[in-house]
């Protein structure tokens, strides 16, 4: 569903995702537009088809930007996979939709945490 990465960031460890402490993604416009990842693996998804959960997680290992990464001037429409790599181990697929005055709007698919996790 839709989500906003604002100045307080966004964490996918909560359901629904929330801003504030523990943010895994951040948005900055100074000195230029920047999408920042904090303690998570993020990778581009270049296929026109949406990935499965396994494909998205595998992508974060195969073509990762690294654990803490700043994506400079990200393009709208860009698709990314994210793996939280923490006690939750959540996998997220998201697309960059719109830059607004209060942040970056995305549309995300967030896979449920496996039972017993």
PDB file of N, CA and C in Angstrom:
ATOM      1  N   UNK A   1       0.810  -1.180   0.000  1.00  0.00           N
ATOM      2  CA  UNK A   1       0.000   0.000   0.000  1.00  0.00           C
ATOM      3  C   UNK A   1       0.861   1.254   0.000  1.00  0.00           C
ATOM      4  N   UNK A   2       0.219   2.393   0.020  1.00  0.00           N
ATOM      5  CA  UNK A   2       0.949   3.662   0.010  1.00  0.00           C
ATOM      6  C   UNK A   2       1.609   3.953   1.355  1.00  0.00           C
ATOM      7  N   UNK A   3       2.752   4.616   1.312  1.00  0.00           N
ATOM      8  CA  UNK A   3       3.463   5.031   2.527  1.00  0.00           C
ATOM      9  C   UNK A   3       4.270   6.278   2.196  1.00  0.00           C
ATOM     10  N   UNK A   4       4.676   6.974   3.234  1.00  0.00           N
ATOM     11  CA  UNK A   4       5.459   8.205   3.077  1.00  0.00           C
ATOM     12  C   UNK A   4       6.764   8.090   3.855  1.00  0.00           C
ATOM     13  N   UNK A   5       7.862   8.361   3.169  1.00  0.00           N
ATOM     14  CA  UNK A   5       9.163   8.460   3.839  1.00  0.00           C
ATOM     15  C   UNK A   5       9.412   9.949   4.031  1.00  0.00           C
ATOM     16  N   UNK A   6       9.218  10.416   5.231  1.00  0.00           N
ATOM     17  CA  UNK A   6       9.385  11.836   5.542  1.00  0.00           C
ATOM     18  C   UNK A   6      10.675  12.097   6.285  1.00  0.00           C
ATOM     19  N   UNK A   7      10.754  13.248   6.906  1.00  0.00           N
ATOM     20  CA  UNK A   7      11.983  13.642   7.606  1.00  0.00           C
ATOM     21  C   UNK A   7      12.273  12.750   8.807  1.00  0.00           C
ATOM     22  N   UNK A   8      11.248  12.081   9.350  1.00  0.00           N
ATOM     23  CA  UNK A   8      11.459  11.163  10.475  1.00  0.00           C
ATOM     24  C   UNK A   8      11.717   9.737  10.026  1.00  0.00           C
ATOM     25  N   UNK A   9      11.753   9.526   8.717  1.00  0.00           N
ATOM     26  CA  UNK A   9      12.059   8.207   8.196  1.00  0.00           C
ATOM     27  C   UNK A   9      10.862   7.276   8.231  1.00  0.00           C
ATOM     28  N   UNK A  10      11.115   6.003   7.976  1.00  0.00           N
ATOM     29  CA  UNK A  10      10.067   4.988   7.948  1.00  0.00           C
ATOM     30  C   UNK A  10      10.658   3.659   8.374  1.00  0.00           C
ATOM     31  N   UNK A  11       9.951   2.968   9.275  1.00  0.00           N
ATOM     32  CA  UNK A  11      10.357   1.637   9.714  1.00  0.00           C
ATOM     33  C   UNK A  11       9.325   0.622   9.245  1.00  0.00           C
ATOM     34  N   UNK A  12       9.796  -0.482   8.703  1.00  0.00           N
ATOM     35  CA  UNK A  12       8.911  -1.549   8.257  1.00  0.00           C
ATOM     36  C   UNK A  12       8.763  -2.634   9.319  1.00  0.00           C
ATOM     37  N   UNK A  13       9.387  -2.461  10.489  1.00  0.00           N
ATOM     38  CA  UNK A  13       9.263  -3.458  11.549  1.00  0.00           C
ATOM     39  C   UNK A  13       7.936  -3.348  12.278  1.00  0.00           C
ATOM     40  N   UNK A  14       7.221  -2.246  12.097  1.00  0.00           N
ATOM     41  CA  UNK A  14       5.902  -2.117  12.705  1.00  0.00           C
ATOM     42  C   UNK A  14       4.838  -2.373  11.638  1.00  0.00           C
ATOM     43  N   UNK A  15       3.632  -2.695  12.065  1.00  0.00           N
ATOM     44  CA  UNK A  15       2.533  -2.963  11.149  1.00  0.00           C
ATOM     45  C   UNK A  15       1.340  -2.132  11.594  1.00  0.00           C
ATOM     46  N   UNK A  16       1.011  -1.069  10.853  1.00  0.00           N
ATOM     47  CA  UNK A  16       1.605  -0.640   9.590  1.00  0.00           C
ATOM     48  C   UNK A  16       2.966   0.037   9.801  1.00  0.00           C
ATOM     49  N   UNK A  17       3.727   0.251   8.729  1.00  0.00           N
ATOM     50  CA  UNK A  17       5.011   0.950   8.853  1.00  0.00           C
ATOM     51  C   UNK A  17       4.821   2.317   9.508  1.00  0.00           C
ATOM     52  N   UNK A  18       5.833   2.723  10.270  1.00  0.00           N
ATOM     53  CA  UNK A  18       5.696   3.990  10.991  1.00  0.00           C
ATOM     54  C   UNK A  18       6.982   4.801  10.930  1.00  0.00           C
ATOM     55  N   UNK A  19       6.829   6.091  11.199  1.00  0.00           N
ATOM     56  CA  UNK A  19       7.971   7.010  11.242  1.00  0.00           C
ATOM     57  C   UNK A  19       8.550   7.023  12.650  1.00  0.00           C
ATOM     58  N   UNK A  20       9.756   7.553  12.749  1.00  0.00           N
ATOM     59  CA  UNK A  20      10.346   7.772  14.061  1.00  0.00           C
ATOM     60  C   UNK A  20      11.523   6.866  14.350  1.00  0.00           C
ATOM     61  N   UNK A  21      11.782   6.638  15.661  1.00  0.00           N
ATOM     62  CA  UNK A  21      12.948   5.846  16.062  1.00  0.00           C
ATOM     63  C   UNK A  21      12.961   4.478  15.403  1.00  0.00           C
ATOM     64  N   UNK A  22      14.138   4.034  15.017  1.00  0.00           N
ATOM     65  CA  UNK A  22      14.271   2.744  14.368  1.00  0.00           C
ATOM     66  C   UNK A  22      14.000   2.794  12.872  1.00  0.00           C
ATOM     67  N   UNK A  23      13.937   4.006  12.318  1.00  0.00           N
ATOM     68  CA  UNK A  23      13.658   4.144  10.886  1.00  0.00           C
ATOM     69  C   UNK A  23      14.701   3.396  10.068  1.00  0.00           C
ATOM     70  N   UNK A  24      14.220   2.706   9.037  1.00  0.00           N
ATOM     71  CA  UNK A  24      15.110   1.952   8.159  1.00  0.00           C
ATOM     72  C   UNK A  24      15.341   2.667   6.829  1.00  0.00           C
ATOM     73  N   UNK A  25      14.434   3.579   6.497  1.00  0.00           N
ATOM     74  CA  UNK A  25      14.599   4.414   5.313  1.00  0.00           C
ATOM     75  C   UNK A  25      14.423   5.865   5.718  1.00  0.00           C
ATOM     76  N   UNK A  26      15.216   6.738   5.112  1.00  0.00           N
ATOM     77  CA  UNK A  26      15.101   8.162   5.365  1.00  0.00           C
ATOM     78  C   UNK A  26      15.100   8.932   4.065  1.00  0.00           C
ATOM     79  N   UNK A  27      14.576  10.157   4.116  1.00  0.00           N
ATOM     80  CA  UNK A  27      14.494  11.009   2.935  1.00  0.00           C
ATOM     81  C   UNK A  27      15.077  12.360   3.275  1.00  0.00           C
ATOM     82  N   UNK A  28      15.916  12.870   2.395  1.00  0.00           N
ATOM     83  CA  UNK A  28      16.535  14.176   2.571  1.00  0.00           C
ATOM     84  C   UNK A  28      16.544  14.900   1.235  1.00  0.00           C
ATOM     85  N   UNK A  29      16.445  16.219   1.284  1.00  0.00           N
ATOM     86  CA  UNK A  29      16.495  17.009   0.049  1.00  0.00           C
ATOM     87  C   UNK A  29      17.693  17.941   0.023  1.00  0.00           C
ATOM     88  N   UNK A  30      18.606  17.752   0.980  1.00  0.00           N
ATOM     89  CA  UNK A  30      19.769  18.633   1.039  1.00  0.00           C
ATOM     90  C   UNK A  30      21.043  17.806   1.094  1.00  0.00           C
ATOM     91  N   UNK A  31      22.004  18.034   0.216  1.00  0.00           N
ATOM     92  CA  UNK A  31      22.063  19.070  -0.809  1.00  0.00           C
ATOM     93  C   UNK A  31      21.258  18.709  -2.055  1.00  0.00           C
ATOM     94  N   UNK A  32      20.807  17.436  -2.165  1.00  0.00           N
ATOM     95  CA  UNK A  32      19.978  17.000  -3.284  1.00  0.00           C
ATOM     96  C   UNK A  32      19.053  15.910  -2.760  1.00  0.00           C
ATOM     97  N   UNK A  33      18.140  15.418  -3.585  1.00  0.00           N
ATOM     98  CA  UNK A  33      17.246  14.349  -3.149  1.00  0.00           C
ATOM     99  C   UNK A  33      18.049  13.094  -2.842  1.00  0.00           C
ATOM    100  N   UNK A  34      17.785  12.530  -1.659  1.00  0.00           N
ATOM    101  CA  UNK A  34      18.523  11.350  -1.222  1.00  0.00           C
ATOM    102  C   UNK A  34      17.593  10.392  -0.494  1.00  0.00           C
ATOM    103  N   UNK A  35      17.621   9.126  -0.905  1.00  0.00           N
ATOM    104  CA  UNK A  35      16.948   8.058  -0.191  1.00  0.00           C
ATOM    105  C   UNK A  35      18.022   7.302   0.571  1.00  0.00           C
ATOM    106  N   UNK A  36      17.900   7.253   1.889  1.00  0.00           N
ATOM    107  CA  UNK A  36      18.920   6.645   2.737  1.00  0.00           C
ATOM    108  C   UNK A  36      18.391   5.368   3.380  1.00  0.00           C
ATOM    109  N   UNK A  37      19.220   4.333   3.394  1.00  0.00           N
ATOM    110  CA  UNK A  37      18.868   3.108   4.119  1.00  0.00           C
ATOM    111  C   UNK A  37      19.749   3.011   5.357  1.00  0.00           C
ATOM    112  N   UNK A  38      19.144   2.532   6.446  1.00  0.00           N
ATOM    113  CA  UNK A  38      19.840   2.436   7.734  1.00  0.00           C
ATOM    114  C   UNK A  38      19.731   1.014   8.261  1.00  0.00           C
ATOM    115  N   UNK A  39      20.834   0.274   8.222  1.00  0.00           N
ATOM    116  CA  UNK A  39      20.880  -1.057   8.812  1.00  0.00           C
ATOM    117  C   UNK A  39      20.053  -2.103   8.084  1.00  0.00           C
ATOM    118  N   UNK A  40      19.692  -1.836   6.840  1.00  0.00           N
ATOM    119  CA  UNK A  40      18.924  -2.795   6.035  1.00  0.00           C
ATOM    120  C   UNK A  40      19.613  -2.969   4.690  1.00  0.00           C
ATOM    121  N   UNK A  41      19.340  -4.084   4.055  1.00  0.00           N
ATOM    122  CA  UNK A  41      19.855  -4.313   2.709  1.00  0.00           C
ATOM    123  C   UNK A  41      18.826  -3.816   1.699  1.00  0.00           C
ATOM    124  N   UNK A  42      19.263  -3.005   0.748  1.00  0.00           N
ATOM    125  CA  UNK A  42      18.391  -2.460  -0.277  1.00  0.00           C
ATOM    126  C   UNK A  42      19.041  -2.727  -1.629  1.00  0.00           C
ATOM    127  N   UNK A  43      18.211  -3.063  -2.619  1.00  0.00           N
ATOM    128  CA  UNK A  43      18.734  -3.375  -3.946  1.00  0.00           C
ATOM    129  C   UNK A  43      17.721  -2.959  -5.003  1.00  0.00           C
ATOM    130  N   UNK A  44      18.201  -2.619  -6.202  1.00  0.00           N
ATOM    131  CA  UNK A  44      17.276  -2.284  -7.282  1.00  0.00           C
ATOM    132  C   UNK A  44      16.553  -3.531  -7.783  1.00  0.00           C
ATOM    133  N   UNK A  45      15.312  -3.354  -8.227  1.00  0.00           N
ATOM    134  CA  UNK A  45      14.580  -4.423  -8.905  1.00  0.00           C
ATOM    135  C   UNK A  45      14.305  -3.926 -10.314  1.00  0.00           C
ATOM    136  N   UNK A  46      14.929  -4.545 -11.304  1.00  0.00           N
ATOM    137  CA  UNK A  46      14.893  -4.025 -12.668  1.00  0.00           C
ATOM    138  C   UNK A  46      13.898  -4.708 -13.593  1.00  0.00           C
ATOM    139  N   UNK A  47      13.245  -5.748 -13.132  1.00  0.00           N
ATOM    140  CA  UNK A  47      12.275  -6.448 -13.969  1.00  0.00           C
ATOM    141  C   UNK A  47      10.966  -5.654 -14.032  1.00  0.00           C
ATOM    142  N   UNK A  48      10.241  -5.812 -15.124  1.00  0.00           N
ATOM    143  CA  UNK A  48       8.934  -5.148 -15.226  1.00  0.00           C
ATOM    144  C   UNK A  48       7.892  -5.868 -14.378  1.00  0.00           C
ATOM    145  N   UNK A  49       8.143  -7.131 -14.040  1.00  0.00           N
ATOM    146  CA  UNK A  49       7.234  -7.901 -13.187  1.00  0.00           C
ATOM    147  C   UNK A  49       7.618  -7.739 -11.728  1.00  0.00           C
ATOM    148  N   UNK A  50       6.617  -7.676 -10.866  1.00  0.00           N
ATOM    149  CA  UNK A  50       6.877  -7.595  -9.429  1.00  0.00           C
ATOM    150  C   UNK A  50       7.502  -8.908  -8.950  1.00  0.00           C
ATOM    151  N   UNK A  51       8.413  -8.845  -7.987  1.00  0.00           N
ATOM    152  CA  UNK A  51       9.068 -10.061  -7.502  1.00  0.00           C
ATOM    153  C   UNK A  51       8.203 -10.817  -6.508  1.00  0.00           C
ATOM    154  N   UNK A  52       8.543 -12.088  -6.322  1.00  0.00           N
ATOM    155  CA  UNK A  52       8.010 -12.838  -5.192  1.00  0.00           C
ATOM    156  C   UNK A  52       8.826 -12.433  -3.959  1.00  0.00           C
ATOM    157  N   UNK A  53       8.383 -12.851  -2.804  1.00  0.00           N
ATOM    158  CA  UNK A  53       9.142 -12.555  -1.585  1.00  0.00           C
ATOM    159  C   UNK A  53      10.557 -13.130  -1.679  1.00  0.00           C
ATOM    160  N   UNK A  54      10.664 -14.371  -2.136  1.00  0.00           N
ATOM    161  CA  UNK A  54      11.983 -15.015  -2.234  1.00  0.00           C
ATOM    162  C   UNK A  54      12.877 -14.288  -3.242  1.00  0.00           C
ATOM    163  N   UNK A  55      12.315 -13.901  -4.381  1.00  0.00           N
ATOM    164  CA  UNK A  55      13.106 -13.170  -5.380  1.00  0.00           C
ATOM    165  C   UNK A  55      13.598 -11.838  -4.821  1.00  0.00           C
ATOM    166  N   UNK A  56      12.740 -11.144  -4.104  1.00  0.00           N
ATOM    167  CA  UNK A  56      13.106  -9.837  -3.561  1.00  0.00           C
ATOM    168  C   UNK A  56      14.219  -9.990  -2.520  1.00  0.00           C
ATOM    169  N   UNK A  57      14.069 -10.971  -1.631  1.00  0.00           N
ATOM    170  CA  UNK A  57      15.104 -11.201  -0.620  1.00  0.00           C
ATOM    171  C   UNK A  57      16.423 -11.593  -1.286  1.00  0.00           C
ATOM    172  N   UNK A  58      16.350 -12.488  -2.278  1.00  0.00           N
ATOM    173  CA  UNK A  58      17.569 -12.903  -2.988  1.00  0.00           C
ATOM    174  C   UNK A  58      18.251 -11.716  -3.655  1.00  0.00           C
ATOM    175  N   UNK A  59      17.458 -10.801  -4.198  1.00  0.00           N
ATOM    176  CA  UNK A  59      18.011  -9.617  -4.869  1.00  0.00           C
ATOM    177  C   UNK A  59      18.826  -8.765  -3.903  1.00  0.00           C
ATOM    178  N   UNK A  60      18.408  -8.712  -2.655  1.00  0.00           N
ATOM    179  CA  UNK A  60      19.145  -7.895  -1.682  1.00  0.00           C
ATOM    180  C   UNK A  60      20.490  -8.510  -1.327  1.00  0.00           C
ATOM    181  N   UNK A  61      20.665  -9.786  -1.651  1.00  0.00           N
ATOM    182  CA  UNK A  61      21.977 -10.430  -1.465  1.00  0.00           C
ATOM    183  C   UNK A  61      22.818 -10.337  -2.725  1.00  0.00           C
ATOM    184  N   UNK A  62      22.155 -10.461  -3.888  1.00  0.00           N
ATOM    185  CA  UNK A  62      22.876 -10.555  -5.158  1.00  0.00           C
ATOM    186  C   UNK A  62      23.331  -9.201  -5.687  1.00  0.00           C
ATOM    187  N   UNK A  63      22.499  -8.172  -5.512  1.00  0.00           N
ATOM    188  CA  UNK A  63      22.776  -6.880  -6.147  1.00  0.00           C
ATOM    189  C   UNK A  63      22.547  -5.755  -5.142  1.00  0.00           C
ATOM    190  N   UNK A  64      23.095  -5.946  -3.959  1.00  0.00           N
ATOM    191  CA  UNK A  64      22.791  -5.026  -2.864  1.00  0.00           C
ATOM    192  C   UNK A  64      23.578  -3.724  -2.962  1.00  0.00           C
ATOM    193  N   UNK A  65      22.965  -2.655  -2.488  1.00  0.00           N
ATOM    194  CA  UNK A  65      23.663  -1.379  -2.338  1.00  0.00           C
ATOM    195  C   UNK A  65      24.492  -1.379  -1.054  1.00  0.00           C
ATOM    196  N   UNK A  66      24.251  -2.339  -0.186  1.00  0.00           N
ATOM    197  CA  UNK A  66      24.956  -2.371   1.091  1.00  0.00           C
ATOM    198  C   UNK A  66      24.002  -2.060   2.230  1.00  0.00           C
ATOM    199  N   UNK A  67      24.532  -2.163   3.437  1.00  0.00           N
ATOM    200  CA  UNK A  67      23.675  -2.038   4.628  1.00  0.00           C
ATOM    201  C   UNK A  67      23.264  -0.596   4.903  1.00  0.00           C
ATOM    202  N   UNK A  68      24.127   0.337   4.767  1.00  0.00           N
ATOM    203  CA  UNK A  68      23.794   1.751   4.944  1.00  0.00           C
ATOM    204  C   UNK A  68      24.159   2.448   3.649  1.00  0.00           C
ATOM    205  N   UNK A  69      23.163   2.933   2.939  1.00  0.00           N
ATOM    206  CA  UNK A  69      23.415   3.437   1.592  1.00  0.00           C
ATOM    207  C   UNK A  69      22.622   4.710   1.348  1.00  0.00           C
ATOM    208  N   UNK A  70      23.218   5.611   0.592  1.00  0.00           N
ATOM    209  CA  UNK A  70      22.529   6.829   0.156  1.00  0.00           C
ATOM    210  C   UNK A  70      22.370   6.774  -1.352  1.00  0.00           C
ATOM    211  N   UNK A  71      21.121   6.722  -1.788  1.00  0.00           N
ATOM    212  CA  UNK A  71      20.797   6.712  -3.207  1.00  0.00           C
ATOM    213  C   UNK A  71      20.563   8.161  -3.632  1.00  0.00           C
ATOM    214  N   UNK A  72      21.499   8.693  -4.417  1.00  0.00           N
ATOM    215  CA  UNK A  72      21.448  10.099  -4.834  1.00  0.00           C
ATOM    216  C   UNK A  72      20.458  10.292  -5.974  1.00  0.00           C
ATOM    217  N   UNK A  73      19.628  11.316  -5.870  1.00  0.00           N
ATOM    218  CA  UNK A  73      18.682  11.682  -6.933  1.00  0.00           C
ATOM    219  C   UNK A  73      17.930  10.477  -7.494  1.00  0.00           C
ATOM    220  N   UNK A  74      17.241   9.724  -6.623  1.00  0.00           N
ATOM    221  CA  UNK A  74      16.495   8.568  -7.126  1.00  0.00           C
ATOM    222  C   UNK A  74      15.408   9.002  -8.110  1.00  0.00           C
ATOM    223  N   UNK A  75      15.157   8.165  -9.089  1.00  0.00           N
ATOM    224  CA  UNK A  75      14.185   8.472 -10.138  1.00  0.00           C
ATOM    225  C   UNK A  75      12.808   7.941  -9.761  1.00  0.00           C
ATOM    226  N   UNK A  76      11.781   8.745 -10.008  1.00  0.00           N
ATOM    227  CA  UNK A  76      10.422   8.281  -9.776  1.00  0.00           C
ATOM    228  C   UNK A  76      10.160   7.082 -10.677  1.00  0.00           C
ATOM    229  N   UNK A  77       9.428   6.123 -10.158  1.00  0.00           N
ATOM    230  CA  UNK A  77       9.175   4.885 -10.883  1.00  0.00           C
ATOM    231  C   UNK A  77      10.169   3.794 -10.541  1.00  0.00           C
ATOM    232  N   UNK A  78      11.301   4.161  -9.936  1.00  0.00           N
ATOM    233  CA  UNK A  78      12.317   3.181  -9.556  1.00  0.00           C
ATOM    234  C   UNK A  78      11.717   2.161  -8.593  1.00  0.00           C
ATOM    235  N   UNK A  79      12.111   0.887  -8.777  1.00  0.00           N
ATOM    236  CA  UNK A  79      11.618  -0.196  -7.931  1.00  0.00           C
ATOM    237  C   UNK A  79      12.790  -0.765  -7.133  1.00  0.00           C
ATOM    238  N   UNK A  80      12.528  -1.039  -5.857  1.00  0.00           N
ATOM    239  CA  UNK A  80      13.586  -1.507  -4.965  1.00  0.00           C
ATOM    240  C   UNK A  80      13.087  -2.643  -4.087  1.00  0.00           C
ATOM    241  N   UNK A  81      14.012  -3.488  -3.681  1.00  0.00           N
ATOM    242  CA  UNK A  81      13.744  -4.518  -2.689  1.00  0.00           C
ATOM    243  C   UNK A  81      14.527  -4.172  -1.431  1.00  0.00           C
ATOM    244  N   UNK A  82      13.970  -4.559  -0.295  1.00  0.00           N
ATOM    245  CA  UNK A  82      14.595  -4.263   0.985  1.00  0.00           C
ATOM    246  C   UNK A  82      14.449  -5.485   1.883  1.00  0.00           C
ATOM    247  N   UNK A  83      15.497  -5.787   2.639  1.00  0.00           N
ATOM    248  CA  UNK A  83      15.475  -6.863   3.639  1.00  0.00           C
ATOM    249  C   UNK A  83      15.945  -6.257   4.947  1.00  0.00           C
ATOM    250  N   UNK A  84      15.110  -6.353   5.992  1.00  0.00           N
ATOM    251  CA  UNK A  84      15.440  -5.641   7.235  1.00  0.00           C
ATOM    252  C   UNK A  84      16.604  -6.264   7.994  1.00  0.00           C
ATOM    253  N   UNK A  85      16.875  -7.559   7.802  1.00  0.00           N
ATOM    254  CA  UNK A  85      18.065  -8.182   8.395  1.00  0.00           C
ATOM    255  C   UNK A  85      18.161  -7.928   9.895  1.00  0.00           C
ATOM    256  N   UNK A  86      17.049  -8.116  10.593  1.00  0.00           N
ATOM    257  CA  UNK A  86      17.024  -7.917  12.041  1.00  0.00           C
ATOM    258  C   UNK A  86      16.178  -9.020  12.663  1.00  0.00           C
ATOM    259  N   UNK A  87      15.708  -8.824  13.867  1.00  0.00           N
ATOM    260  CA  UNK A  87      14.915  -9.864  14.526  1.00  0.00           C
ATOM    261  C   UNK A  87      13.594 -10.121  13.805  1.00  0.00           C
ATOM    262  N   UNK A  88      13.137  -9.155  12.986  1.00  0.00           N
ATOM    263  CA  UNK A  88      11.877  -9.306  12.255  1.00  0.00           C
ATOM    264  C   UNK A  88      12.110  -9.955  10.888  1.00  0.00           C
ATOM    265  N   UNK A  89      13.220  -9.613  10.231  1.00  0.00           N
ATOM    266  CA  UNK A  89      13.569 -10.148   8.907  1.00  0.00           C
ATOM    267  C   UNK A  89      12.449  -9.970   7.884  1.00  0.00           C
ATOM    268  N   UNK A  90      11.968  -8.746   7.787  1.00  0.00           N
ATOM    269  CA  UNK A  90      10.878  -8.444   6.863  1.00  0.00           C
ATOM    270  C   UNK A  90      11.430  -8.136   5.470  1.00  0.00           C
ATOM    271  N   UNK A  91      10.699  -8.589   4.438  1.00  0.00           N
ATOM    272  CA  UNK A  91      11.046  -8.337   3.047  1.00  0.00           C
ATOM    273  C   UNK A  91      10.023  -7.361   2.475  1.00  0.00           C
ATOM    274  N   UNK A  92      10.520  -6.334   1.781  1.00  0.00           N
ATOM    275  CA  UNK A  92       9.655  -5.275   1.258  1.00  0.00           C
ATOM    276  C   UNK A  92      10.053  -4.989  -0.195  1.00  0.00           C
ATOM    277  N   UNK A  93       9.048  -4.835  -1.041  1.00  0.00           N
ATOM    278  CA  UNK A  93       9.228  -4.389  -2.420  1.00  0.00           C
ATOM    279  C   UNK A  93       8.501  -3.056  -2.527  1.00  0.00           C
ATOM    280  N   UNK A  94       9.187  -2.032  -3.044  1.00  0.00           N
ATOM    281  CA  UNK A  94       8.517  -0.742  -3.125  1.00  0.00           C
ATOM    282  C   UNK A  94       8.940   0.031  -4.369  1.00  0.00           C
ATOM    283  N   UNK A  95       8.034   0.919  -4.781  1.00  0.00           N
ATOM    284  CA  UNK A  95       8.263   1.759  -5.949  1.00  0.00           C
ATOM    285  C   UNK A  95       8.157   3.219  -5.536  1.00  0.00           C
ATOM    286  N   UNK A  96       9.071   4.038  -6.068  1.00  0.00           N
ATOM    287  CA  UNK A  96       9.065   5.472  -5.776  1.00  0.00           C
ATOM    288  C   UNK A  96       7.985   6.127  -6.623  1.00  0.00           C
ATOM    289  N   UNK A  97       7.045   6.824  -5.965  1.00  0.00           N
ATOM    290  CA  UNK A  97       5.877   7.348  -6.665  1.00  0.00           C
ATOM    291  C   UNK A  97       5.885   8.861  -6.853  1.00  0.00           C
ATOM    292  N   UNK A  98       6.165   9.620  -5.800  1.00  0.00           N
ATOM    293  CA  UNK A  98       6.036  11.070  -5.908  1.00  0.00           C
ATOM    294  C   UNK A  98       6.854  11.766  -4.826  1.00  0.00           C
ATOM    295  N   UNK A  99       7.544  12.826  -5.230  1.00  0.00           N
ATOM    296  CA  UNK A  99       8.263  13.673  -4.271  1.00  0.00           C
ATOM    297  C   UNK A  99       7.338  14.833  -3.915  1.00  0.00           C
ATOM    298  N   UNK A 100       7.124  15.030  -2.628  1.00  0.00           N
ATOM    299  CA  UNK A 100       6.262  16.108  -2.161  1.00  0.00           C
ATOM    300  C   UNK A 100       7.047  16.996  -1.196  1.00  0.00           C
ATOM    301  N   UNK A 101       6.410  18.037  -0.725  1.00  0.00           N
ATOM    302  CA  UNK A 101       7.060  18.951   0.225  1.00  0.00           C
ATOM    303  C   UNK A 101       7.361  18.262   1.554  1.00  0.00           C
ATOM    304  N   UNK A 102       6.639  17.180   1.868  1.00  0.00           N
ATOM    305  CA  UNK A 102       6.845  16.524   3.169  1.00  0.00           C
ATOM    306  C   UNK A 102       7.557  15.179   3.058  1.00  0.00           C
ATOM    307  N   UNK A 103       7.936  14.778   1.859  1.00  0.00           N
ATOM    308  CA  UNK A 103       8.694  13.541   1.741  1.00  0.00           C
ATOM    309  C   UNK A 103       8.483  12.818   0.426  1.00  0.00           C
ATOM    310  N   UNK A 104       8.880  11.562   0.435  1.00  0.00           N
ATOM    311  CA  UNK A 104       8.820  10.703  -0.743  1.00  0.00           C
ATOM    312  C   UNK A 104       7.679   9.717  -0.568  1.00  0.00           C
ATOM    313  N   UNK A 105       6.731   9.742  -1.492  1.00  0.00           N
ATOM    314  CA  UNK A 105       5.626   8.789  -1.454  1.00  0.00           C
ATOM    315  C   UNK A 105       6.046   7.532  -2.193  1.00  0.00           C
ATOM    316  N   UNK A 106       5.772   6.395  -1.559  1.00  0.00           N
ATOM    317  CA  UNK A 106       6.094   5.095  -2.157  1.00  0.00           C
ATOM    318  C   UNK A 106       4.841   4.222  -2.150  1.00  0.00           C
ATOM    319  N   UNK A 107       4.896   3.161  -2.932  1.00  0.00           N
ATOM    320  CA  UNK A 107       3.874   2.129  -2.863  1.00  0.00           C
ATOM    321  C   UNK A 107       4.615   0.839  -2.553  1.00  0.00           C
ATOM    322  N   UNK A 108       4.249   0.195  -1.436  1.00  0.00           N
ATOM    323  CA  UNK A 108       5.037  -0.933  -0.946  1.00  0.00           C
ATOM    324  C   UNK A 108       4.215  -2.208  -0.823  1.00  0.00           C
ATOM    325  N   UNK A 109       4.873  -3.324  -1.118  1.00  0.00           N
ATOM    326  CA  UNK A 109       4.374  -4.658  -0.780  1.00  0.00           C
ATOM    327  C   UNK A 109       5.241  -5.136   0.362  1.00  0.00           C
ATOM    328  N   UNK A 110       4.610  -5.446   1.480  1.00  0.00           N
ATOM    329  CA  UNK A 110       5.334  -5.882   2.668  1.00  0.00           C
ATOM    330  C   UNK A 110       4.859  -7.278   3.006  1.00  0.00           C
ATOM    331  N   UNK A 111       5.770  -8.229   2.964  1.00  0.00           N
ATOM    332  CA  UNK A 111       5.378  -9.598   3.240  1.00  0.00           C
ATOM    333  C   UNK A 111       5.251  -9.808   4.734  1.00  0.00           C
ATOM    334  N   UNK A 112       4.294 -10.614   5.114  1.00  0.00           N
ATOM    335  CA  UNK A 112       4.041 -10.892   6.525  1.00  0.00           C
ATOM    336  C   UNK A 112       5.237 -11.623   7.118  1.00  0.00           C
ATOM    337  N   UNK A 113       5.415 -11.397   8.399  1.00  0.00           N
ATOM    338  CA  UNK A 113       6.474 -12.096   9.113  1.00  0.00           C
ATOM    339  C   UNK A 113       6.034 -13.559   9.256  1.00  0.00           C
ATOM    340  N   UNK A 114       6.942 -14.506   8.970  1.00  0.00           N
ATOM    341  CA  UNK A 114       6.557 -15.916   9.107  1.00  0.00           C
ATOM    342  C   UNK A 114       6.102 -16.235  10.525  1.00  0.00           C
ATOM    343  N   UNK A 115       5.133 -17.132  10.652  1.00  0.00           N
ATOM    344  CA  UNK A 115       4.678 -17.494  11.993  1.00  0.00           C
ATOM    345  C   UNK A 115       5.820 -18.120  12.758  1.00  0.00           C
ATOM    346  N   UNK A 116       5.914 -17.765  14.007  1.00  0.00           N
ATOM    347  CA  UNK A 116       6.991 -18.267  14.851  1.00  0.00           C
ATOM    348  C   UNK A 116       8.238 -17.404  14.791  1.00  0.00           C
ATOM    349  N   UNK A 117       8.227 -16.340  13.971  1.00  0.00           N
ATOM    350  CA  UNK A 117       9.405 -15.477  13.850  1.00  0.00           C
ATOM    351  C   UNK A 117       9.478 -14.550  15.050  1.00  0.00           C
TER     352      UNK A 117
END
